[in-house]
Amino acid sequence: MANSTAGGMVIAGAGAGIGELTALAGTSEMVPTAKRGAYVGGMVMTILPWCPSILYAQLINRASNWRYIGLLCGLWSFIGLILVVIFYKPPHRVNSEGYSRSKIIKQIDFVGGLLSISGIVLFLMAIQWGGYQYKWSSVHVLVPLILGAVLLILFTIWEIKFAKYPLVPKRMAKDSRVLSLIFVITFISGANFFAILFFWPTEAFNVYGNDPVGIGIRGLPIGFSILFGAVICLVLIGLTKGRIRLLLIFFSAMMTAGWSQHNIRFKLQTTNIV
């Protein structure tokens, strides 16, 4: 039962990730470049009903069984599937004229995709296990950590030296400094994002009490802050005429300040000072 549940979550996670990114890309391709920020922000606002997701999950689990959470998400995804099939008609892409489906498939970098995905998965597994389920010096942590790092290095070499159609087009590397910084900031902000999603409910349960409603209420700021922060930033991209550097500096400073305040508060709470 546990294996089937984990397998289902893997499939659901892959679908959710691809669906989210494709929805962002699909929205972007249907509107003028100057208005992409506002339109994508409007699309992101559709997440609003699910901002109290932690509260929903706690109430469903208390009232019945946690598996109904998956049922609810599955039904909602099915509605999305029907709406996409009926209403989404992607516009014609000028840069794909004369390309057959087989030719497009041949230009997909399957090797690079395999190396990057497997490397990231193994590396993240080690990071999550280390110091929590297993010791950092244990085989369970060191093997996926080393293999993940090796695969990511091989991915970089493949993309630079061998890939005919690399996942990261070589024209983007003309300003390698900017590209590298964007990758670093994306990696760090993504780590912060998932750390908040995964660990805050557990922390709220263990530190502040196991009342389901209390845990759900403490989870409200996460959902609403992520949503409105994303929308505000997307709108600001248009209003500031693409001054992304300033936006990255500002929101990176916000992440730093938020984690610093949280860590101080957590230490005080766990030592019974507060």
Protein backbone atom coordinates (compact mmCIF):
# COMPACT_ATOMS: atom_id res chain seq x y z
CA MET A 1 0.00 0.00 0.00
CA ALA A 2 2.80 2.42 0.89
CA ASN A 3 4.62 1.71 -2.38
CA SER A 4 1.48 2.28 -4.46
CA THR A 5 0.81 5.53 -2.62
CA ALA A 6 4.36 6.74 -3.22
CA GLY A 7 4.12 5.73 -6.88
CA GLY A 8 0.88 7.64 -7.26
CA MET A 9 2.43 10.73 -5.69
CA VAL A 10 5.37 10.51 -8.11
CA ILE A 11 3.03 10.43 -11.10
CA ALA A 12 0.87 13.22 -9.66
CA GLY A 13 3.93 15.34 -8.90
CA ALA A 14 5.31 14.93 -12.42
CA GLY A 15 1.95 15.91 -13.89
CA ALA A 16 1.55 18.87 -11.56
CA GLY A 17 5.04 20.21 -12.28
CA ILE A 18 4.71 19.86 -16.04
CA GLY A 19 1.19 21.28 -15.97
CA GLU A 20 2.22 24.32 -13.96
CA LEU A 21 5.19 25.19 -16.16
CA THR A 22 3.27 24.53 -19.37
CA ALA A 23 0.42 26.75 -18.19
CA LEU A 24 2.87 29.59 -17.57
CA ALA A 25 4.50 29.08 -20.98
CA GLY A 26 1.14 28.73 -22.72
CA THR A 27 -0.15 31.95 -21.21
CA SER A 28 3.03 33.77 -22.22
CA GLU A 29 2.85 32.69 -25.86
CA MET A 30 -0.73 33.93 -26.30
CA VAL A 31 -0.19 37.56 -25.26
CA PRO A 32 2.12 40.42 -26.32
CA THR A 33 5.55 40.40 -24.69
CA ALA A 34 4.95 43.73 -22.94
CA LYS A 35 1.84 42.36 -21.23
CA ARG A 36 3.09 38.91 -20.29
CA GLY A 37 3.72 39.84 -16.66
CA ALA A 38 0.16 41.01 -16.07
CA TYR A 39 -1.45 38.09 -17.91
CA VAL A 40 0.69 35.45 -16.22
CA GLY A 41 -0.06 37.16 -12.90
CA GLY A 42 -3.76 36.84 -13.64
CA MET A 43 -3.31 33.17 -14.45
CA VAL A 44 -1.41 32.62 -11.19
CA MET A 45 -4.33 34.18 -9.29
CA THR A 46 -6.34 31.05 -10.13
CA ILE A 47 -4.39 29.40 -7.29
CA LEU A 48 -6.23 31.66 -4.81
CA PRO A 49 -8.89 29.10 -3.76
CA TRP A 50 -6.10 26.67 -2.83
CA CYS A 51 -4.02 29.00 -0.69
CA PRO A 52 -5.51 27.48 2.50
CA SER A 53 -4.41 24.02 1.30
CA ILE A 54 -2.81 23.13 4.65
CA LEU A 55 -6.06 23.99 6.43
CA TYR A 56 -8.08 21.94 3.94
CA ALA A 57 -5.78 18.95 4.41
CA GLN A 58 -5.94 19.13 8.20
CA LEU A 59 -9.73 19.38 8.24
CA ILE A 60 -10.17 16.52 5.75
CA ASN A 61 -7.81 14.31 7.72
CA ARG A 62 -9.60 15.07 10.98
CA ALA A 63 -13.06 14.49 9.53
CA SER A 64 -12.30 11.30 7.64
CA ASN A 65 -9.14 9.95 6.01
CA TRP A 66 -6.09 11.72 4.56
CA ARG A 67 -6.50 9.79 1.31
CA TYR A 68 -9.50 11.95 0.42
CA ILE A 69 -7.02 14.80 -0.03
CA GLY A 70 -5.64 12.97 -3.04
CA LEU A 71 -9.16 12.30 -4.29
CA LEU A 72 -10.00 16.01 -4.10
CA CYS A 73 -6.84 16.95 -6.01
CA GLY A 74 -7.53 14.25 -8.59
CA LEU A 75 -11.06 15.50 -9.25
CA TRP A 76 -9.81 19.08 -9.57
CA SER A 77 -7.10 17.97 -12.01
CA PHE A 78 -9.72 16.08 -14.03
CA ILE A 79 -11.74 19.28 -14.38
CA GLY A 80 -8.59 21.01 -15.61
CA LEU A 81 -8.01 18.21 -18.12
CA ILE A 82 -11.50 18.63 -19.57
CA LEU A 83 -11.15 22.42 -19.79
CA VAL A 84 -7.79 22.17 -21.59
CA VAL A 85 -9.10 19.65 -24.12
CA ILE A 86 -12.15 21.77 -24.91
CA PHE A 87 -10.87 25.35 -24.74
CA TYR A 88 -7.09 25.50 -25.18
CA LYS A 89 -6.24 26.13 -28.81
CA PRO A 90 -2.54 27.09 -28.97
CA PRO A 91 -1.68 29.77 -31.50
CA HIS A 92 0.33 29.00 -34.60
CA ARG A 93 4.07 29.37 -34.02
CA VAL A 94 5.92 31.02 -36.88
CA ASN A 95 9.26 29.52 -35.87
CA SER A 96 7.87 25.98 -36.18
CA GLU A 97 6.80 26.24 -39.82
CA GLY A 98 7.92 23.32 -41.94
CA TYR A 99 8.67 21.15 -38.89
CA SER A 100 7.05 17.73 -38.77
CA ARG A 101 6.29 16.08 -35.47
CA SER A 102 9.11 13.57 -35.95
CA LYS A 103 11.59 16.37 -36.67
CA ILE A 104 10.55 18.22 -33.52
CA ILE A 105 10.98 15.06 -31.45
CA LYS A 106 14.48 14.58 -32.89
CA GLN A 107 15.43 18.02 -31.56
CA ILE A 108 14.54 17.11 -27.98
CA ASP A 109 17.62 16.60 -25.83
CA PHE A 110 16.59 13.33 -24.16
CA VAL A 111 20.10 12.61 -22.88
CA GLY A 112 20.39 16.01 -21.26
CA GLY A 113 16.94 15.66 -19.76
CA LEU A 114 17.75 12.24 -18.31
CA LEU A 115 21.07 13.39 -16.85
CA SER A 116 19.63 16.56 -15.32
CA ILE A 117 16.48 14.99 -13.86
CA SER A 118 18.23 11.93 -12.40
CA GLY A 119 21.05 14.07 -11.02
CA ILE A 120 18.74 16.56 -9.36
CA VAL A 121 16.49 13.83 -7.92
CA LEU A 122 19.42 11.93 -6.40
CA PHE A 123 21.02 15.10 -5.07
CA LEU A 124 17.77 16.28 -3.46
CA MET A 125 17.15 12.84 -1.95
CA ALA A 126 20.53 13.01 -0.22
CA ILE A 127 19.91 16.56 1.00
CA GLN A 128 16.54 15.62 2.47
CA TRP A 129 17.79 12.40 4.10
CA GLY A 130 21.01 13.84 5.51
CA GLY A 131 20.84 14.57 9.23
CA TYR A 132 17.16 13.61 9.36
CA GLN A 133 16.55 9.98 8.41
CA TYR A 134 20.23 9.02 8.11
CA LYS A 135 23.58 10.39 9.20
CA TRP A 136 25.43 12.55 6.71
CA SER A 137 28.26 10.00 6.71
CA SER A 138 25.95 7.04 5.97
CA VAL A 139 25.84 5.17 2.66
CA HIS A 140 22.18 6.17 2.20
CA VAL A 141 23.24 9.82 1.96
CA LEU A 142 26.70 9.69 0.41
CA VAL A 143 25.80 7.42 -2.54
CA PRO A 144 22.91 9.53 -3.95
CA LEU A 145 24.79 12.73 -3.09
CA ILE A 146 27.91 11.73 -5.04
CA LEU A 147 25.98 10.13 -7.91
CA GLY A 148 23.74 13.19 -8.18
CA ALA A 149 26.71 15.54 -8.29
CA VAL A 150 28.48 13.38 -10.91
CA LEU A 151 25.35 13.26 -13.10
CA LEU A 152 24.94 17.04 -12.91
CA ILE A 153 28.58 17.50 -13.92
CA LEU A 154 28.06 15.09 -16.83
CA PHE A 155 24.94 17.04 -17.79
CA THR A 156 26.97 20.26 -17.94
CA ILE A 157 29.68 18.62 -20.07
CA TRP A 158 27.07 17.08 -22.37
CA GLU A 159 25.30 20.40 -22.87
CA ILE A 160 28.51 22.29 -23.65
CA LYS A 161 30.39 19.74 -25.75
CA PHE A 162 28.06 17.14 -27.26
CA ALA A 163 24.38 18.15 -27.32
CA LYS A 164 23.25 19.10 -30.83
CA TYR A 165 20.12 20.77 -29.46
CA PRO A 166 20.98 21.58 -25.82
CA LEU A 167 18.32 22.25 -23.21
CA VAL A 168 20.06 25.55 -22.53
CA PRO A 169 20.63 27.18 -25.96
CA LYS A 170 24.19 28.31 -26.46
CA ARG A 171 23.06 31.82 -27.37
CA MET A 172 21.94 32.23 -23.76
CA ALA A 173 25.52 31.68 -22.62
CA LYS A 174 26.79 34.82 -24.34
CA ASP A 175 26.39 36.63 -21.05
CA SER A 176 27.41 33.70 -18.87
CA ARG A 177 27.66 35.80 -15.72
CA VAL A 178 24.01 36.83 -15.82
CA LEU A 179 22.89 33.33 -16.76
CA SER A 180 24.90 31.78 -13.92
CA LEU A 181 23.51 34.22 -11.37
CA ILE A 182 19.96 33.52 -12.53
CA PHE A 183 20.53 29.79 -12.11
CA VAL A 184 21.97 30.30 -8.63
CA ILE A 185 19.10 32.53 -7.51
CA THR A 186 16.57 30.11 -9.00
CA PHE A 187 18.20 27.20 -7.16
CA ILE A 188 18.26 29.06 -3.84
CA SER A 189 14.73 30.43 -4.12
CA GLY A 190 13.44 27.00 -5.15
CA ALA A 191 15.11 25.44 -2.11
CA ASN A 192 13.47 28.07 0.09
CA PHE A 193 10.10 27.54 -1.58
CA PHE A 194 10.02 23.77 -1.07
CA ALA A 195 11.55 23.99 2.40
CA ILE A 196 8.66 26.20 3.47
CA LEU A 197 6.05 23.94 1.86
CA PHE A 198 7.46 20.72 3.30
CA PHE A 199 8.72 21.66 6.73
CA TRP A 200 6.49 24.45 8.00
CA PRO A 201 3.42 22.21 8.62
CA THR A 202 5.65 19.71 10.45
CA GLU A 203 7.23 22.49 12.49
CA ALA A 204 3.82 23.97 13.32
CA PHE A 205 2.65 20.54 14.48
CA ASN A 206 5.69 19.77 16.65
CA VAL A 207 6.35 23.21 18.09
CA TYR A 208 2.99 24.96 18.33
CA GLY A 209 0.62 22.05 19.02
CA ASN A 210 -1.22 19.39 17.08
CA ASP A 211 -4.58 21.14 16.74
CA PRO A 212 -5.56 20.68 13.05
CA VAL A 213 -7.29 24.05 12.80
CA GLY A 214 -4.34 25.79 14.48
CA ILE A 215 -1.89 24.17 12.08
CA GLY A 216 -4.06 25.13 9.13
CA ILE A 217 -4.36 28.75 10.25
CA ARG A 218 -0.60 28.99 10.73
CA GLY A 219 -0.21 27.73 7.18
CA LEU A 220 -2.37 30.49 5.68
CA PRO A 221 0.42 33.10 5.42
CA ILE A 222 2.51 30.72 3.30
CA GLY A 223 -0.05 30.18 0.56
CA PHE A 224 -1.26 33.76 0.36
CA SER A 225 2.24 35.25 0.60
CA ILE A 226 3.60 33.04 -2.20
CA LEU A 227 0.61 33.84 -4.40
CA PHE A 228 0.52 37.60 -3.93
CA GLY A 229 4.33 37.84 -3.98
CA ALA A 230 4.41 36.13 -7.37
CA VAL A 231 1.63 38.30 -8.77
CA ILE A 232 3.19 41.52 -7.47
CA CYS A 233 6.56 40.63 -8.98
CA LEU A 234 5.02 39.73 -12.34
CA VAL A 235 3.14 43.02 -12.48
CA LEU A 236 6.26 44.95 -11.46
CA ILE A 237 8.20 43.44 -14.37
CA GLY A 238 5.87 45.29 -16.70
CA LEU A 239 5.67 48.48 -14.65
CA THR A 240 9.44 48.76 -14.23
CA LYS A 241 9.99 47.98 -17.93
CA GLY A 242 11.98 44.84 -17.28
CA ARG A 243 14.29 45.97 -14.48
CA ILE A 244 14.57 42.40 -13.30
CA ARG A 245 17.92 42.92 -11.56
CA LEU A 246 16.39 45.30 -9.02
CA LEU A 247 13.47 42.94 -8.44
CA LEU A 248 15.81 39.99 -7.85
CA ILE A 249 17.86 42.01 -5.36
CA PHE A 250 14.75 43.15 -3.49
CA PHE A 251 13.06 39.75 -3.24
CA SER A 252 16.34 37.96 -2.41
CA ALA A 253 16.73 40.42 0.48
CA MET A 254 13.18 39.59 1.57
CA MET A 255 13.99 35.85 1.61
CA THR A 256 17.12 36.49 3.67
CA ALA A 257 15.28 38.68 6.17
CA GLY A 258 12.39 36.23 6.46
CA TRP A 259 14.58 33.21 7.16
CA SER A 260 16.69 35.17 9.66
CA GLN A 261 13.61 36.26 11.58
CA HIS A 262 12.18 32.73 11.50
CA ASN A 263 15.38 31.12 12.79
CA ILE A 264 15.67 33.58 15.66
CA ARG A 265 12.03 33.07 16.60
CA PHE A 266 12.34 29.28 16.37
CA LYS A 267 15.37 29.20 18.65
CA LEU A 268 13.58 31.34 21.22
CA GLN A 269 10.47 29.17 21.01
CA THR A 270 12.29 25.88 21.40
CA THR A 271 14.25 27.15 24.43
CA ASN A 272 11.02 28.32 26.12
CA ILE A 273 12.13 31.96 26.15
CA VAL A 274 9.06 33.08 24.24
